[in-house]
Protein backbone atom coordinates (compact mmCIF):
# COMPACT_ATOMS: atom_id res chain seq x y z
CA MET A 1 8.91 -9.51 -8.57
CA PRO A 2 7.32 -10.29 -11.95
CA ASP A 3 8.65 -8.33 -14.92
CA ARG A 4 6.80 -5.04 -15.26
CA VAL A 5 7.69 -2.21 -17.62
CA GLN A 6 8.58 0.93 -15.65
CA GLY A 7 6.06 3.70 -16.26
CA GLN A 8 3.53 1.54 -18.12
CA PRO A 9 -0.05 1.90 -16.83
CA LEU A 10 -0.57 -0.52 -13.95
CA LEU A 11 -3.74 1.03 -12.55
CA VAL A 12 -6.40 2.66 -14.72
CA ALA A 13 -9.52 4.05 -13.03
CA GLU A 14 -12.19 5.59 -15.25
CA GLY A 15 -15.23 7.54 -14.06
CA VAL A 16 -15.36 5.83 -10.66
CA ARG A 17 -18.39 6.71 -8.54
CA LYS A 18 -19.06 5.70 -4.94
CA VAL A 19 -22.23 6.66 -3.09
CA TYR A 20 -22.88 6.01 0.60
CA ARG A 21 -26.55 5.77 1.56
CA THR A 22 -28.02 6.20 5.04
CA GLY A 23 -31.78 6.07 4.99
CA MET A 24 -32.89 8.79 2.55
CA VAL A 25 -29.52 10.54 2.59
CA GLU A 26 -26.95 9.96 -0.15
CA VAL A 27 -23.33 11.12 0.03
CA GLN A 28 -21.25 10.94 -3.13
CA ALA A 29 -17.82 9.92 -1.82
CA LEU A 30 -16.17 9.58 -5.27
CA ALA A 31 -17.52 11.64 -8.17
CA ASN A 32 -16.54 10.34 -11.64
CA LEU A 33 -12.93 10.01 -10.53
CA SER A 34 -10.34 9.01 -13.12
CA VAL A 35 -6.64 8.37 -12.54
CA VAL A 36 -3.80 6.39 -14.13
CA VAL A 37 -0.83 5.10 -12.12
CA GLY A 38 2.24 3.80 -13.92
CA SER A 39 4.33 0.84 -12.83
CA GLY A 40 7.03 1.91 -10.38
CA GLU A 41 5.34 5.13 -9.22
CA LEU A 42 5.18 6.29 -5.60
CA VAL A 43 1.98 8.33 -5.36
CA ALA A 44 0.74 10.29 -2.35
CA VAL A 45 -3.01 10.89 -1.99
CA MET A 46 -3.85 13.97 0.08
CA GLY A 47 -6.85 16.11 0.92
CA PRO A 48 -8.93 17.38 3.84
CA SER A 49 -10.88 15.08 6.11
CA GLY A 50 -13.87 13.67 4.22
CA SER A 51 -12.37 14.33 0.80
CA GLY A 52 -12.47 10.64 -0.17
CA LYS A 53 -8.88 9.53 0.39
CA THR A 54 -9.57 6.22 2.14
CA THR A 55 -12.64 5.61 -0.05
CA LEU A 56 -10.41 5.98 -3.11
CA LEU A 57 -7.99 3.39 -1.72
CA ASN A 58 -10.79 0.98 -0.80
CA CYS A 59 -12.55 1.30 -4.17
CA LEU A 60 -9.48 1.19 -6.41
CA SER A 61 -8.22 -1.88 -4.57
CA GLY A 62 -11.59 -3.64 -4.80
CA LEU A 63 -12.13 -3.76 -1.03
CA ASP A 64 -15.34 -1.79 -1.55
CA ASP A 65 -17.82 -2.00 -4.42
CA ILE A 66 -18.30 0.99 -6.73
CA ASP A 67 -21.48 2.55 -8.15
CA GLY A 68 -20.10 3.39 -11.56
CA GLY A 69 -17.01 3.39 -13.75
CA ARG A 70 -14.32 0.74 -13.91
CA VAL A 71 -10.95 -0.11 -12.35
CA LEU A 72 -8.25 -2.07 -14.15
CA ILE A 73 -5.13 -3.51 -12.51
CA GLU A 74 -2.63 -4.79 -15.06
CA GLY A 75 -5.49 -4.83 -17.56
CA ASN A 76 -7.84 -6.86 -15.34
CA ASP A 77 -11.21 -5.23 -14.72
CA LEU A 78 -11.77 -5.71 -10.97
CA PHE A 79 -15.52 -5.19 -11.01
CA ALA A 80 -16.15 -7.44 -13.99
CA MET A 81 -14.93 -10.32 -11.80
CA SER A 82 -16.97 -12.40 -9.37
CA ASP A 83 -16.40 -11.64 -5.69
CA ALA A 84 -14.32 -14.80 -5.34
CA ALA A 85 -12.18 -13.98 -8.37
CA ARG A 86 -11.64 -10.41 -7.16
CA THR A 87 -10.60 -11.65 -3.73
CA SER A 88 -8.15 -14.08 -5.33
CA HIS A 89 -6.76 -11.38 -7.64
CA ARG A 90 -6.33 -9.01 -4.70
CA ALA A 91 -4.40 -11.66 -2.76
CA ARG A 92 -2.07 -12.27 -5.72
CA SER A 93 -1.58 -8.73 -6.97
CA MET A 94 -1.94 -6.35 -4.02
CA GLY A 95 -0.39 -5.64 -0.67
CA PHE A 96 -1.91 -3.51 2.11
CA ILE A 97 -0.34 -1.41 4.87
CA PHE A 98 -2.73 0.04 7.43
CA GLN A 99 -2.34 2.58 10.22
CA ALA A 100 -3.46 0.02 12.82
CA PHE A 101 -0.90 -2.65 11.71
CA ASN A 102 -3.56 -5.46 11.76
CA LEU A 103 -1.06 -8.10 12.84
CA ILE A 104 -2.34 -11.35 14.37
CA PRO A 105 -1.25 -11.12 18.03
CA VAL A 106 -0.90 -14.87 18.70
CA PHE A 107 1.31 -15.37 15.61
CA THR A 108 5.02 -14.77 15.57
CA VAL A 109 6.49 -12.15 13.25
CA ALA A 110 7.49 -14.86 10.75
CA GLU A 111 4.02 -16.45 10.88
CA ASN A 112 2.35 -13.08 10.23
CA VAL A 113 4.52 -12.46 7.18
CA GLU A 114 4.22 -15.94 5.69
CA LEU A 115 0.40 -15.98 5.99
CA PRO A 116 -0.32 -14.40 2.56
CA LEU A 117 1.95 -16.98 0.93
CA LEU A 118 0.23 -19.89 2.67
CA LEU A 119 -3.18 -18.53 1.65
CA ALA A 120 -1.90 -18.33 -1.94
CA GLY A 121 -0.94 -22.02 -1.84
CA VAL A 122 2.80 -21.77 -1.22
CA ARG A 123 4.07 -24.76 0.77
CA PRO A 124 5.08 -24.09 4.40
CA LYS A 125 8.84 -24.52 4.05
CA PRO A 126 9.36 -22.14 1.10
CA ALA A 127 6.81 -19.74 2.63
CA ARG A 128 8.83 -19.55 5.85
CA LYS A 129 12.04 -19.04 3.85
CA GLN A 130 10.53 -16.18 1.82
CA ALA A 131 9.12 -14.60 4.98
CA GLY A 132 12.53 -14.72 6.64
CA GLU A 133 14.20 -13.17 3.60
CA MET A 134 11.70 -10.31 3.44
CA LEU A 135 12.00 -9.65 7.18
CA GLU A 136 15.77 -9.54 6.77
CA ARG A 137 15.34 -6.94 4.04
CA VAL A 138 13.32 -4.65 6.29
CA GLY A 139 15.80 -5.04 9.15
CA LEU A 140 13.90 -7.54 11.30
CA GLY A 141 15.73 -10.79 10.58
CA HIS A 142 16.54 -11.01 14.30
CA ARG A 143 12.87 -10.80 15.33
CA LEU A 144 11.37 -13.81 13.54
CA ASP A 145 10.13 -15.59 16.66
CA HIS A 146 8.86 -12.52 18.52
CA ARG A 147 5.18 -11.68 18.77
CA PRO A 148 3.77 -8.27 17.82
CA ASN A 149 3.36 -7.08 21.42
CA GLU A 150 7.10 -7.56 21.90
CA LEU A 151 7.90 -5.02 19.17
CA SER A 152 7.89 -1.24 19.02
CA GLY A 153 5.32 0.53 16.86
CA GLY A 154 7.89 1.15 14.15
CA GLU A 155 8.93 -2.50 14.17
CA GLN A 156 5.31 -3.63 13.93
CA GLN A 157 4.80 -1.39 10.91
CA ARG A 158 7.91 -2.86 9.27
CA VAL A 159 6.35 -6.31 9.79
CA THR A 160 3.20 -5.12 8.01
CA ILE A 161 5.36 -3.82 5.16
CA ALA A 162 7.14 -7.17 4.91
CA ARG A 163 3.77 -8.94 4.89
CA ALA A 164 2.47 -6.60 2.17
CA LEU A 165 5.53 -7.22 -0.02
CA VAL A 166 6.34 -10.88 0.54
CA ALA A 167 4.19 -12.09 -2.38
CA ARG A 168 5.74 -9.51 -4.75
CA PRO A 169 2.46 -7.68 -5.49
CA ALA A 170 1.84 -5.44 -8.48
CA ILE A 171 0.76 -2.59 -6.20
CA VAL A 172 0.89 -1.75 -2.49
CA TRP A 173 -1.83 0.39 -0.90
CA ALA A 174 -0.80 2.25 2.26
CA ASP A 175 -3.48 4.02 4.32
CA GLU A 176 -1.91 6.52 6.76
CA PRO A 177 0.98 4.09 7.45
CA THR A 178 2.67 6.49 9.89
CA GLY A 179 -0.47 7.65 11.69
CA ASN A 180 0.29 5.75 14.91
CA LEU A 181 4.03 6.52 14.97
CA ASP A 182 6.14 9.31 16.41
CA THR A 183 8.11 11.59 14.07
CA HIS A 184 11.32 9.56 14.26
CA MET A 185 9.61 6.24 13.53
CA ALA A 186 7.49 7.86 10.81
CA GLY A 187 10.65 9.07 9.08
CA GLN A 188 12.09 5.55 9.15
CA ILE A 189 8.94 4.02 7.66
CA VAL A 190 8.70 6.60 4.88
CA GLU A 191 12.35 6.16 4.00
CA LEU A 192 11.84 2.39 3.89
CA LEU A 193 8.94 2.82 1.46
CA HIS A 194 11.14 5.07 -0.69
CA GLU A 195 13.91 2.48 -0.70
CA LEU A 196 11.49 -0.28 -1.71
CA ASN A 197 10.17 1.94 -4.49
CA ARG A 198 13.68 2.78 -5.75
CA SER A 199 15.36 -0.59 -5.41
CA GLU A 200 12.45 -2.90 -6.19
CA GLY A 201 10.45 -0.66 -8.52
CA GLN A 202 7.53 -1.29 -6.19
CA THR A 203 4.39 0.67 -7.09
CA ILE A 204 2.95 2.32 -3.96
CA VAL A 205 -0.18 4.45 -3.49
CA LEU A 206 0.02 6.14 -0.10
CA VAL A 207 -2.82 8.00 1.64
CA THR A 208 -1.49 10.63 4.05
CA HIS A 209 -2.47 13.88 5.75
CA ASP A 210 1.20 14.79 6.35
CA ASN A 211 2.48 17.46 3.95
CA ALA A 212 6.11 16.44 4.45
CA ILE A 213 5.36 12.85 3.47
CA GLY A 214 3.30 14.00 0.49
CA ALA A 215 6.11 16.29 -0.68
CA SER A 216 8.58 13.41 -0.43
CA CYS A 217 6.76 11.40 -3.10
CA GLY A 218 7.32 11.67 -6.82
CA ARG A 219 3.64 12.43 -7.43
CA MET A 220 0.85 13.91 -5.35
CA LEU A 221 -2.89 13.62 -5.98
CA ARG A 222 -5.07 16.09 -4.07
CA LEU A 223 -8.73 15.25 -3.51
CA ARG A 224 -11.67 17.42 -2.57
CA ASP A 225 -15.28 16.26 -2.42
CA GLY A 226 -14.42 12.97 -4.11
CA ARG A 227 -12.66 14.58 -7.08
CA VAL A 228 -9.01 14.92 -8.06
CA VAL A 229 -8.37 18.67 -7.94
CA SER A 230 -4.65 18.51 -8.67
CA ASP A 231 -2.13 15.96 -9.90
CA GLU A 232 1.39 17.21 -9.21
CA ARG A 233 4.57 15.51 -10.36
CA GLN A 234 7.71 16.47 -8.51
CA ALA A 235 11.32 16.42 -9.68
CA GLY A 236 13.05 13.17 -8.79
CA ASP A 237 11.55 11.73 -5.63
CA GLY A 238 10.62 15.10 -4.18
CA GLN A 239 12.13 16.13 -0.86
CA ARG A 240 12.47 12.86 1.04
CA MET A 241 11.88 12.54 4.73
CA PRO A 242 15.17 12.47 6.66
CA ALA A 243 16.60 8.98 6.83
CA SER A 244 17.80 7.49 10.08
CA PRO A 245 21.44 6.33 10.19
CA GLY A 246 21.91 3.21 8.09
CA SER A 247 19.64 1.70 5.49
CA LEU A 248 16.53 -0.10 6.66
CA LEU A 249 16.39 -2.16 3.47
CA ARG A 250 18.92 -4.96 3.24
CA THR A 251 20.32 -5.76 -0.16
CA GLY A 252 20.48 -9.28 -1.50
CA ALA A 253 17.86 -11.75 -0.33
């Protein structure tokens, strides 16, 4: 992972507005939203349905355009870039974990994880090596040649985490990463994210509706009607989700 100063602003969003238009109807999904996230933070984003949680993730990551304000990642203004430059910056600096996994079914686990590296221009042999190392770290070193449909839901989500992290991004965006998992698997995934945050200093912004997951994070943003209505910092890492026996993150590699 590139050198980043713990706690220094990594994400700065200022006065971000997002409006959805359907015919004559306008819905303001984000209303002059401002937030700063420091390097190494694990931030939960919570709020009722329709409060703007996923819109916040999509706009602050540059997946969606905005109607006002600005978003800086490591000092780079996302919306001052061309579409091509923003796409390239997102590939280099961000990782994504989605509820639906979004793995390519005809690819093996290793091929899914190495894909971001290949797209970034890493040669095949070192890309495969890095993919294998990251899969080992999330406890799937024995599954390299399996395809997604041969894995459990929890294993598939660990593959998506490995894929999100393999290029050592500045920030990882996680949108309801446990939404398709049972309670046991959800606990494993949340504990893995905590371990990556603690051991790697990985910055993670996590959208969730689960109060236990939100309480486990060091910081919780609550949204309502596209606005941040509270920004709570919790002692330490909050009350973590129960860990399953044994660490899911392998040291070394």
